[in-house]
Amino acid sequence: MKTKLLSLVVGLQVLWVIGTVILQEAKLSQGTVVRLETRPVDPRDLLRGDYVILNYELSTLDAKLFTDGLTNRPPAGTPVFVKLERQGEFHRAIEAAFTELPADADHPVLRGKSETSWSWSSASPDHLRVEYGLERFYVREGTGNPRGKLTVDVAIPSSGQGIIREVYLDGVKYAEAMKKQSP
């Protein structure tokens, strides 16, 4: 009886891990892939190791992008939906709202949440900081200080919750570029 219970518990744990991997891979393969421009910062997490903080251009949204208005300060964590459009090599924010926006093949919608930091112009806000869950990219130890231009490919599934697919340093995959920069 004890071995059957132990087998059941271990089997459920294995199924959970496999299910999580399958779900993430499905999101990566089915999502619309967009390329975003970013600026690196070099922190370190004591438990997880080196990572690069990715600060996207679309992390600070102009109030003019909000179709439903941006007159009041939303509470931190308020869902924000950002419609993107390819402009040259990168995708840029063309519309934002606190309610879901319709997405299509040329205009994917990325879901984020509002932060607490604001820029104020006179008495009303003119910008909103948004987090997308794409701000950390964990790297091999000793490679968290890149020198060059970072770009990121993000897969956006129908849920709008983006997933980092690949990070590039000067157009080369991050891991390969950091091997070349090592002394």
N, C-alpha and C. Protein backbone atom coordinates (compact mmCIF):
# COMPACT_ATOMS: atom_id res chain seq x y z
N MET A 1 0.81 -1.19 0.00
CA MET A 1 0.00 0.00 0.00
C MET A 1 0.86 1.26 0.00
N LYS A 2 1.93 1.26 0.83
CA LYS A 2 2.81 2.42 0.91
C LYS A 2 3.55 2.64 -0.41
N THR A 3 3.95 1.57 -1.06
CA THR A 3 4.67 1.73 -2.33
C THR A 3 3.75 2.26 -3.42
N LYS A 4 2.47 1.84 -3.39
CA LYS A 4 1.52 2.36 -4.37
C LYS A 4 1.30 3.86 -4.16
N LEU A 5 1.17 4.27 -2.90
CA LEU A 5 0.98 5.68 -2.59
C LEU A 5 2.21 6.50 -3.00
N LEU A 6 3.40 5.97 -2.69
CA LEU A 6 4.64 6.65 -3.07
C LEU A 6 4.74 6.75 -4.59
N SER A 7 4.40 5.68 -5.30
CA SER A 7 4.43 5.68 -6.76
C SER A 7 3.45 6.70 -7.32
N LEU A 8 2.27 6.80 -6.73
CA LEU A 8 1.28 7.77 -7.16
C LEU A 8 1.78 9.21 -6.97
N VAL A 9 2.36 9.49 -5.81
CA VAL A 9 2.88 10.83 -5.53
C VAL A 9 4.01 11.18 -6.50
N VAL A 10 4.95 10.28 -6.68
CA VAL A 10 6.06 10.53 -7.61
C VAL A 10 5.54 10.67 -9.04
N GLY A 11 4.60 9.84 -9.42
CA GLY A 11 4.02 9.92 -10.76
C GLY A 11 3.33 11.25 -11.00
N LEU A 12 2.58 11.74 -10.02
CA LEU A 12 1.91 13.04 -10.15
C LEU A 12 2.93 14.18 -10.26
N GLN A 13 4.02 14.09 -9.53
CA GLN A 13 5.06 15.13 -9.61
C GLN A 13 5.71 15.13 -10.99
N VAL A 14 5.98 13.96 -11.52
CA VAL A 14 6.57 13.85 -12.86
C VAL A 14 5.60 14.41 -13.90
N LEU A 15 4.33 14.06 -13.80
CA LEU A 15 3.33 14.58 -14.73
C LEU A 15 3.22 16.10 -14.65
N TRP A 16 3.31 16.65 -13.44
CA TRP A 16 3.24 18.10 -13.27
C TRP A 16 4.43 18.77 -13.98
N VAL A 17 5.63 18.25 -13.81
CA VAL A 17 6.81 18.82 -14.46
C VAL A 17 6.69 18.72 -15.98
N ILE A 18 6.30 17.57 -16.48
CA ILE A 18 6.14 17.38 -17.93
C ILE A 18 5.05 18.30 -18.46
N GLY A 19 3.94 18.41 -17.75
CA GLY A 19 2.86 19.29 -18.17
C GLY A 19 3.29 20.75 -18.23
N THR A 20 4.08 21.19 -17.26
CA THR A 20 4.58 22.57 -17.25
C THR A 20 5.48 22.82 -18.46
N VAL A 21 6.35 21.89 -18.76
CA VAL A 21 7.24 22.03 -19.92
C VAL A 21 6.44 22.07 -21.22
N ILE A 22 5.47 21.19 -21.35
CA ILE A 22 4.64 21.15 -22.57
C ILE A 22 3.87 22.45 -22.72
N LEU A 23 3.32 22.97 -21.63
CA LEU A 23 2.57 24.23 -21.68
C LEU A 23 3.46 25.39 -22.12
N GLN A 24 4.66 25.50 -21.56
CA GLN A 24 5.59 26.59 -21.93
C GLN A 24 6.03 26.45 -23.39
N GLU A 25 6.32 25.25 -23.83
CA GLU A 25 6.73 25.05 -25.22
C GLU A 25 5.60 25.37 -26.18
N ALA A 26 4.36 25.04 -25.80
CA ALA A 26 3.22 25.37 -26.66
C ALA A 26 3.06 26.88 -26.78
N LYS A 27 3.23 27.61 -25.68
CA LYS A 27 3.15 29.07 -25.72
C LYS A 27 4.24 29.65 -26.62
N LEU A 28 5.45 29.11 -26.51
CA LEU A 28 6.56 29.60 -27.33
C LEU A 28 6.35 29.33 -28.82
N SER A 29 5.80 28.17 -29.14
CA SER A 29 5.65 27.82 -30.56
C SER A 29 4.42 28.43 -31.20
N GLN A 30 3.36 28.68 -30.43
CA GLN A 30 2.12 29.19 -31.00
C GLN A 30 2.02 30.71 -30.96
N GLY A 31 2.83 31.35 -30.15
CA GLY A 31 2.73 32.79 -29.99
C GLY A 31 3.31 33.55 -31.17
N THR A 32 2.83 34.77 -31.35
CA THR A 32 3.38 35.68 -32.34
C THR A 32 4.72 36.16 -31.81
N VAL A 33 5.77 36.10 -32.63
CA VAL A 33 7.10 36.51 -32.19
C VAL A 33 7.34 37.96 -32.61
N VAL A 34 7.71 38.78 -31.64
CA VAL A 34 8.02 40.18 -31.90
C VAL A 34 9.43 40.46 -31.42
N ARG A 35 10.10 41.43 -32.02
CA ARG A 35 11.45 41.82 -31.60
C ARG A 35 11.35 43.17 -30.90
N LEU A 36 11.94 43.23 -29.70
CA LEU A 36 11.90 44.45 -28.89
C LEU A 36 13.31 44.94 -28.62
N GLU A 37 13.45 46.24 -28.57
CA GLU A 37 14.73 46.87 -28.25
C GLU A 37 14.79 47.09 -26.75
N THR A 38 15.97 46.94 -26.15
CA THR A 38 16.10 47.06 -24.71
C THR A 38 17.44 47.68 -24.33
N ARG A 39 17.57 48.04 -23.05
CA ARG A 39 18.80 48.56 -22.50
C ARG A 39 19.16 47.72 -21.28
N PRO A 40 20.40 47.19 -21.18
CA PRO A 40 20.74 46.30 -20.07
C PRO A 40 21.15 47.02 -18.79
N VAL A 41 20.97 46.31 -17.67
CA VAL A 41 21.49 46.69 -16.37
C VAL A 41 22.09 45.41 -15.81
N ASP A 42 23.12 45.50 -14.96
CA ASP A 42 23.85 44.29 -14.56
C ASP A 42 23.67 43.95 -13.08
N PRO A 43 22.62 43.22 -12.69
CA PRO A 43 22.47 42.78 -11.30
C PRO A 43 22.87 41.31 -11.12
N ARG A 44 22.75 40.85 -9.89
CA ARG A 44 23.04 39.45 -9.56
C ARG A 44 22.04 39.00 -8.50
N ASP A 45 21.50 37.81 -8.67
CA ASP A 45 20.58 37.21 -7.71
C ASP A 45 21.38 36.14 -6.96
N LEU A 46 21.45 36.25 -5.64
CA LEU A 46 22.27 35.31 -4.86
C LEU A 46 21.82 33.87 -5.00
N LEU A 47 20.53 33.63 -5.22
CA LEU A 47 20.03 32.27 -5.32
C LEU A 47 20.03 31.74 -6.75
N ARG A 48 19.82 32.61 -7.73
CA ARG A 48 19.70 32.16 -9.12
C ARG A 48 20.91 32.48 -9.97
N GLY A 49 21.76 33.38 -9.54
CA GLY A 49 22.96 33.70 -10.31
C GLY A 49 22.82 35.01 -11.08
N ASP A 50 23.62 35.12 -12.12
CA ASP A 50 23.66 36.35 -12.92
C ASP A 50 22.42 36.46 -13.80
N TYR A 51 21.98 37.68 -13.95
CA TYR A 51 20.91 37.95 -14.89
C TYR A 51 21.06 39.36 -15.43
N VAL A 52 20.40 39.62 -16.51
CA VAL A 52 20.41 40.93 -17.12
C VAL A 52 19.00 41.49 -16.97
N ILE A 53 18.89 42.73 -16.46
CA ILE A 53 17.60 43.39 -16.41
C ILE A 53 17.38 44.03 -17.77
N LEU A 54 16.24 43.75 -18.35
CA LEU A 54 15.90 44.27 -19.66
C LEU A 54 14.87 45.39 -19.49
N ASN A 55 15.22 46.56 -19.93
CA ASN A 55 14.36 47.73 -19.83
C ASN A 55 13.90 48.09 -21.24
N TYR A 56 12.65 47.82 -21.55
CA TYR A 56 12.13 48.01 -22.90
C TYR A 56 11.63 49.44 -23.12
N GLU A 57 11.68 49.87 -24.36
CA GLU A 57 11.11 51.16 -24.72
C GLU A 57 9.63 51.20 -24.35
N LEU A 58 8.93 50.09 -24.55
CA LEU A 58 7.50 50.07 -24.27
C LEU A 58 7.19 49.81 -22.79
N SER A 59 8.23 49.89 -21.93
CA SER A 59 7.98 49.82 -20.49
C SER A 59 7.49 51.15 -19.94
N THR A 60 7.69 52.23 -20.68
CA THR A 60 7.17 53.55 -20.32
C THR A 60 6.22 53.99 -21.42
N LEU A 61 4.93 54.00 -21.11
CA LEU A 61 3.91 54.33 -22.11
C LEU A 61 3.44 55.77 -21.95
N ASP A 62 3.34 56.45 -23.07
CA ASP A 62 2.83 57.82 -23.10
C ASP A 62 1.32 57.78 -22.86
N ALA A 63 0.81 58.75 -22.13
CA ALA A 63 -0.62 58.82 -21.83
C ALA A 63 -1.46 58.87 -23.09
N LYS A 64 -0.92 59.42 -24.17
CA LYS A 64 -1.66 59.55 -25.43
C LYS A 64 -2.00 58.20 -26.07
N LEU A 65 -1.29 57.14 -25.66
CA LEU A 65 -1.55 55.81 -26.22
C LEU A 65 -2.82 55.18 -25.66
N PHE A 66 -3.30 55.66 -24.52
CA PHE A 66 -4.43 55.03 -23.84
C PHE A 66 -5.75 55.49 -24.46
N THR A 67 -6.45 54.55 -25.08
CA THR A 67 -7.72 54.86 -25.73
C THR A 67 -8.82 55.15 -24.72
N ASP A 68 -8.76 54.51 -23.55
CA ASP A 68 -9.79 54.72 -22.55
C ASP A 68 -9.37 55.75 -21.51
N GLY A 69 -8.37 56.54 -21.84
CA GLY A 69 -7.96 57.63 -20.98
C GLY A 69 -6.97 57.24 -19.91
N LEU A 70 -6.15 58.19 -19.52
CA LEU A 70 -5.17 58.00 -18.46
C LEU A 70 -5.19 59.26 -17.61
N THR A 71 -6.31 59.47 -16.95
CA THR A 71 -6.47 60.70 -16.16
C THR A 71 -6.22 60.46 -14.69
N ASN A 72 -6.45 59.25 -14.22
CA ASN A 72 -6.23 58.93 -12.81
C ASN A 72 -5.10 57.92 -12.69
N ARG A 73 -4.46 57.95 -11.56
CA ARG A 73 -3.37 57.02 -11.28
C ARG A 73 -3.96 55.65 -10.95
N PRO A 74 -3.73 54.64 -11.80
CA PRO A 74 -4.26 53.31 -11.49
C PRO A 74 -3.44 52.66 -10.37
N PRO A 75 -4.06 51.80 -9.58
CA PRO A 75 -3.30 51.10 -8.54
C PRO A 75 -2.20 50.23 -9.16
N ALA A 76 -1.12 50.05 -8.44
CA ALA A 76 -0.04 49.18 -8.91
C ALA A 76 -0.61 47.78 -9.14
N GLY A 77 -0.21 47.17 -10.23
CA GLY A 77 -0.67 45.83 -10.56
C GLY A 77 -1.91 45.80 -11.44
N THR A 78 -2.43 46.96 -11.83
CA THR A 78 -3.59 47.02 -12.71
C THR A 78 -3.20 46.46 -14.08
N PRO A 79 -3.99 45.54 -14.65
CA PRO A 79 -3.67 45.00 -15.97
C PRO A 79 -3.63 46.10 -17.04
N VAL A 80 -2.63 46.02 -17.90
CA VAL A 80 -2.47 46.96 -19.01
C VAL A 80 -2.28 46.14 -20.27
N PHE A 81 -3.03 46.47 -21.31
CA PHE A 81 -2.94 45.76 -22.59
C PHE A 81 -2.34 46.71 -23.62
N VAL A 82 -1.27 46.26 -24.29
CA VAL A 82 -0.53 47.11 -25.21
C VAL A 82 -0.52 46.48 -26.60
N LYS A 83 -1.09 47.20 -27.56
CA LYS A 83 -1.12 46.73 -28.95
C LYS A 83 0.18 47.16 -29.62
N LEU A 84 0.82 46.22 -30.31
CA LEU A 84 2.10 46.47 -30.95
C LEU A 84 1.97 46.48 -32.46
N GLU A 85 2.90 47.17 -33.09
CA GLU A 85 2.97 47.19 -34.55
C GLU A 85 4.44 47.21 -34.94
N ARG A 86 4.77 46.46 -35.98
CA ARG A 86 6.15 46.44 -36.45
C ARG A 86 6.45 47.76 -37.14
N GLN A 87 7.52 48.41 -36.69
CA GLN A 87 7.98 49.66 -37.28
C GLN A 87 9.48 49.51 -37.51
N GLY A 88 9.85 49.18 -38.74
CA GLY A 88 11.25 48.87 -39.04
C GLY A 88 11.58 47.49 -38.51
N GLU A 89 12.69 47.40 -37.79
CA GLU A 89 13.14 46.11 -37.26
C GLU A 89 12.38 45.70 -35.99
N PHE A 90 11.84 46.67 -35.26
CA PHE A 90 11.25 46.41 -33.95
C PHE A 90 9.75 46.66 -33.92
N HIS A 91 9.11 46.07 -32.93
CA HIS A 91 7.70 46.34 -32.67
C HIS A 91 7.62 47.46 -31.64
N ARG A 92 6.66 48.36 -31.83
CA ARG A 92 6.46 49.51 -30.95
C ARG A 92 5.00 49.54 -30.49
N ALA A 93 4.77 50.17 -29.35
CA ALA A 93 3.41 50.33 -28.83
C ALA A 93 2.67 51.37 -29.67
N ILE A 94 1.44 51.01 -30.11
CA ILE A 94 0.62 51.95 -30.87
C ILE A 94 -0.68 52.28 -30.15
N GLU A 95 -1.04 51.47 -29.16
CA GLU A 95 -2.29 51.68 -28.42
C GLU A 95 -2.18 50.96 -27.08
N ALA A 96 -2.81 51.50 -26.05
CA ALA A 96 -2.82 50.87 -24.74
C ALA A 96 -4.18 51.07 -24.10
N ALA A 97 -4.53 50.14 -23.21
CA ALA A 97 -5.83 50.22 -22.52
C ALA A 97 -5.77 49.39 -21.24
N PHE A 98 -6.73 49.65 -20.36
CA PHE A 98 -6.87 48.87 -19.14
C PHE A 98 -7.86 47.73 -19.32
N THR A 99 -8.44 47.63 -20.51
CA THR A 99 -9.32 46.53 -20.87
C THR A 99 -8.70 45.84 -22.08
N GLU A 100 -9.08 44.59 -22.32
CA GLU A 100 -8.48 43.83 -23.41
C GLU A 100 -8.68 44.52 -24.75
N LEU A 101 -7.62 44.49 -25.56
CA LEU A 101 -7.67 45.04 -26.91
C LEU A 101 -7.71 43.89 -27.89
N PRO A 102 -8.36 44.06 -29.04
CA PRO A 102 -8.36 42.99 -30.03
C PRO A 102 -7.00 42.88 -30.70
N ALA A 103 -6.54 41.64 -30.87
CA ALA A 103 -5.25 41.39 -31.52
C ALA A 103 -5.51 40.80 -32.90
N ASP A 104 -4.58 41.01 -33.81
CA ASP A 104 -4.63 40.35 -35.11
C ASP A 104 -3.19 39.99 -35.50
N ALA A 105 -3.03 39.40 -36.67
CA ALA A 105 -1.71 38.91 -37.09
C ALA A 105 -0.67 40.03 -37.16
N ASP A 106 -1.07 41.23 -37.52
CA ASP A 106 -0.13 42.34 -37.65
C ASP A 106 -0.01 43.18 -36.38
N HIS A 107 -0.92 42.97 -35.43
CA HIS A 107 -0.96 43.78 -34.22
C HIS A 107 -1.17 42.91 -32.99
N PRO A 108 -0.12 42.21 -32.52
CA PRO A 108 -0.27 41.42 -31.31
C PRO A 108 -0.47 42.33 -30.09
N VAL A 109 -1.10 41.79 -29.06
CA VAL A 109 -1.36 42.55 -27.83
C VAL A 109 -0.59 41.89 -26.69
N LEU A 110 0.27 42.68 -26.05
CA LEU A 110 1.09 42.23 -24.93
C LEU A 110 0.43 42.68 -23.63
N ARG A 111 0.33 41.78 -22.68
CA ARG A 111 -0.31 42.08 -21.40
C ARG A 111 0.77 42.37 -20.36
N GLY A 112 0.56 43.44 -19.60
CA GLY A 112 1.47 43.80 -18.53
C GLY A 112 0.68 44.26 -17.32
N LYS A 113 1.38 44.88 -16.36
CA LYS A 113 0.69 45.45 -15.21
C LYS A 113 1.37 46.76 -14.84
N SER A 114 0.58 47.69 -14.33
CA SER A 114 1.10 49.01 -14.00
C SER A 114 2.03 48.94 -12.80
N GLU A 115 3.04 49.81 -12.83
CA GLU A 115 3.95 49.98 -11.70
C GLU A 115 3.53 51.20 -10.91
N THR A 116 4.24 51.49 -9.83
CA THR A 116 3.88 52.64 -9.00
C THR A 116 4.60 53.91 -9.42
N SER A 117 5.70 53.83 -10.18
CA SER A 117 6.44 55.04 -10.53
C SER A 117 5.79 55.75 -11.71
N TRP A 118 5.62 57.04 -11.58
CA TRP A 118 4.95 57.86 -12.59
C TRP A 118 5.81 59.07 -12.91
N SER A 119 5.66 59.59 -14.10
CA SER A 119 6.19 60.91 -14.45
C SER A 119 4.98 61.83 -14.50
N TRP A 120 5.08 62.97 -13.89
CA TRP A 120 3.94 63.88 -13.84
C TRP A 120 4.24 65.15 -14.61
N SER A 121 3.27 65.62 -15.37
CA SER A 121 3.35 66.89 -16.06
C SER A 121 2.17 67.72 -15.56
N SER A 122 2.44 68.79 -14.87
CA SER A 122 1.42 69.60 -14.22
C SER A 122 0.68 68.73 -13.21
N ALA A 123 -0.66 68.65 -13.32
CA ALA A 123 -1.43 67.89 -12.34
C ALA A 123 -1.82 66.51 -12.83
N SER A 124 -1.54 66.17 -14.09
CA SER A 124 -1.97 64.87 -14.60
C SER A 124 -0.78 64.05 -15.07
N PRO A 125 -0.89 62.73 -15.00
CA PRO A 125 0.22 61.87 -15.42
C PRO A 125 0.39 61.91 -16.93
N ASP A 126 1.64 61.87 -17.39
CA ASP A 126 1.86 61.82 -18.83
C ASP A 126 2.54 60.53 -19.28
N HIS A 127 2.96 59.71 -18.33
CA HIS A 127 3.57 58.42 -18.65
C HIS A 127 3.17 57.39 -17.60
N LEU A 128 3.17 56.13 -18.01
CA LEU A 128 2.89 55.04 -17.09
C LEU A 128 3.95 53.97 -17.28
N ARG A 129 4.55 53.52 -16.19
CA ARG A 129 5.52 52.42 -16.24
C ARG A 129 4.75 51.11 -16.19
N VAL A 130 5.13 50.17 -17.07
CA VAL A 130 4.46 48.88 -17.16
C VAL A 130 5.49 47.76 -17.08
N GLU A 131 5.19 46.74 -16.30
CA GLU A 131 6.01 45.52 -16.23
C GLU A 131 5.31 44.43 -17.02
N TYR A 132 6.07 43.67 -17.80
CA TYR A 132 5.50 42.62 -18.63
C TYR A 132 5.92 41.21 -18.18
N GLY A 133 6.77 41.12 -17.17
CA GLY A 133 7.29 39.82 -16.77
C GLY A 133 8.43 39.37 -17.66
N LEU A 134 8.96 40.29 -18.45
CA LEU A 134 10.04 40.00 -19.40
C LEU A 134 11.32 40.76 -19.02
N GLU A 135 11.38 41.27 -17.80
CA GLU A 135 12.45 42.18 -17.43
C GLU A 135 13.72 41.48 -16.93
N ARG A 136 13.69 40.19 -16.69
CA ARG A 136 14.89 39.45 -16.24
C ARG A 136 15.21 38.34 -17.21
N PHE A 137 16.49 38.26 -17.56
CA PHE A 137 16.98 37.18 -18.42
C PHE A 137 18.19 36.58 -17.71
N TYR A 138 18.05 35.33 -17.22
CA TYR A 138 19.12 34.68 -16.48
C TYR A 138 20.17 34.13 -17.44
N VAL A 139 21.44 34.33 -17.06
CA VAL A 139 22.56 33.96 -17.93
C VAL A 139 23.58 33.14 -17.15
N ARG A 140 24.51 32.55 -17.89
CA ARG A 140 25.59 31.78 -17.28
C ARG A 140 26.45 32.70 -16.40
N GLU A 141 26.94 32.21 -15.29
CA GLU A 141 27.73 33.01 -14.36
C GLU A 141 28.89 33.70 -15.07
N GLY A 142 29.05 34.96 -14.77
CA GLY A 142 30.14 35.74 -15.34
C GLY A 142 29.80 36.36 -16.69
N THR A 143 28.58 36.16 -17.17
CA THR A 143 28.20 36.71 -18.48
C THR A 143 27.08 37.74 -18.36
N GLY A 144 26.88 38.28 -17.17
CA GLY A 144 25.77 39.20 -16.95
C GLY A 144 26.09 40.65 -17.22
N ASN A 145 27.23 40.94 -17.83
CA ASN A 145 27.59 42.32 -18.10
C ASN A 145 27.91 42.49 -19.59
N PRO A 146 26.88 42.50 -20.41
CA PRO A 146 27.12 42.57 -21.85
C PRO A 146 27.56 43.95 -22.31
N ARG A 147 28.39 43.98 -23.36
CA ARG A 147 28.80 45.24 -23.99
C ARG A 147 28.29 45.21 -25.41
N GLY A 148 27.26 45.99 -25.69
CA GLY A 148 26.69 46.03 -27.02
C GLY A 148 25.19 46.24 -26.96
N LYS A 149 24.55 46.15 -28.11
CA LYS A 149 23.11 46.40 -28.22
C LYS A 149 22.34 45.10 -28.01
N LEU A 150 21.42 45.12 -27.05
CA LEU A 150 20.58 43.96 -26.78
C LEU A 150 19.24 44.11 -27.49
N THR A 151 18.79 43.02 -28.10
CA THR A 151 17.44 42.93 -28.64
C THR A 151 16.85 41.62 -28.17
N VAL A 152 15.53 41.57 -28.11
CA VAL A 152 14.85 40.40 -27.55
C VAL A 152 13.73 39.96 -28.46
N ASP A 153 13.66 38.65 -28.74
CA ASP A 153 12.51 38.07 -29.42
C ASP A 153 11.57 37.56 -28.34
N VAL A 154 10.32 38.01 -28.40
CA VAL A 154 9.31 37.64 -27.41
C VAL A 154 8.17 36.94 -28.13
N ALA A 155 7.77 35.77 -27.63
CA ALA A 155 6.60 35.07 -28.15
C ALA A 155 5.38 35.55 -27.36
N ILE A 156 4.33 35.96 -28.09
CA ILE A 156 3.12 36.45 -27.43
C ILE A 156 1.97 35.52 -27.80
N PRO A 157 1.58 34.61 -26.90
CA PRO A 157 0.43 33.73 -27.17
C PRO A 157 -0.88 34.51 -27.08
N SER A 158 -1.98 33.85 -27.32
CA SER A 158 -3.29 34.52 -27.30
C SER A 158 -3.62 35.11 -25.94
N SER A 159 -3.02 34.62 -24.87
CA SER A 159 -3.26 35.17 -23.53
C SER A 159 -2.64 36.55 -23.36
N GLY A 160 -1.66 36.90 -24.22
CA GLY A 160 -0.97 38.17 -24.14
C GLY A 160 0.21 38.18 -23.19
N GLN A 161 0.41 37.09 -22.46
CA GLN A 161 1.51 36.99 -21.50
C GLN A 161 2.78 36.59 -22.25
N GLY A 162 3.65 37.57 -22.56
CA GLY A 162 4.85 37.32 -23.36
C GLY A 162 5.85 36.42 -22.67
N ILE A 163 6.64 35.73 -23.50
CA ILE A 163 7.69 34.84 -23.01
C ILE A 163 8.95 35.13 -23.83
N ILE A 164 10.09 35.32 -23.16
CA ILE A 164 11.33 35.57 -23.88
C ILE A 164 11.70 34.31 -24.65
N ARG A 165 11.86 34.48 -25.94
CA ARG A 165 12.25 33.36 -26.80
C ARG A 165 13.76 33.34 -27.03
N GLU A 166 14.33 34.51 -27.29
CA GLU A 166 15.77 34.61 -27.52
C GLU A 166 16.22 36.03 -27.25
N VAL A 167 17.44 36.17 -26.71
CA VAL A 167 18.06 37.48 -26.51
C VAL A 167 19.30 37.52 -27.40
N TYR A 168 19.47 38.67 -28.06
CA TYR A 168 20.60 38.85 -28.98
C TYR A 168 21.46 40.01 -28.49
N LEU A 169 22.76 39.87 -28.67
CA LEU A 169 23.71 40.92 -28.37
C LEU A 169 24.38 41.28 -29.68
N ASP A 170 24.14 42.49 -30.16
CA ASP A 170 24.65 42.93 -31.46
C ASP A 170 24.27 41.96 -32.58
N GLY A 171 23.03 41.44 -32.52
CA GLY A 171 22.51 40.58 -33.57
C GLY A 171 22.91 39.11 -33.47
N VAL A 172 23.69 38.74 -32.46
CA VAL A 172 24.14 37.36 -32.27
C VAL A 172 23.48 36.82 -31.00
N LYS A 173 23.08 35.54 -31.00
CA LYS A 173 22.47 34.96 -29.80
C LYS A 173 23.37 35.24 -28.59
N TYR A 174 22.73 35.57 -27.48
CA TYR A 174 23.44 36.04 -26.28
C TYR A 174 24.56 35.08 -25.85
N ALA A 175 24.27 33.81 -25.72
CA ALA A 175 25.28 32.85 -25.24
C ALA A 175 26.48 32.81 -26.17
N GLU A 176 26.24 32.82 -27.48
CA GLU A 176 27.34 32.80 -28.45
C GLU A 176 28.14 34.09 -28.39
N ALA A 177 27.46 35.22 -28.27
CA ALA A 177 28.14 36.51 -28.22
C ALA A 177 29.02 36.62 -26.97
N MET A 178 28.54 36.13 -25.85
CA MET A 178 29.31 36.23 -24.61
C MET A 178 30.55 35.30 -24.65
N LYS A 179 30.46 34.19 -25.38
CA LYS A 179 31.64 33.33 -25.54
C LYS A 179 32.73 34.09 -26.30
N LYS A 180 32.32 34.87 -27.31
CA LYS A 180 33.27 35.63 -28.12
C LYS A 180 33.89 36.77 -27.31
N GLN A 181 33.13 37.35 -26.36
CA GLN A 181 33.62 38.47 -25.57
C GLN A 181 34.52 38.02 -24.41
N SER A 182 34.48 36.73 -24.06
CA SER A 182 35.30 36.23 -22.94
C SER A 182 36.76 36.35 -23.31
N PRO A 183 37.60 36.73 -22.31
CA PRO A 183 39.05 36.88 -22.58
C PRO A 183 39.73 35.57 -22.83
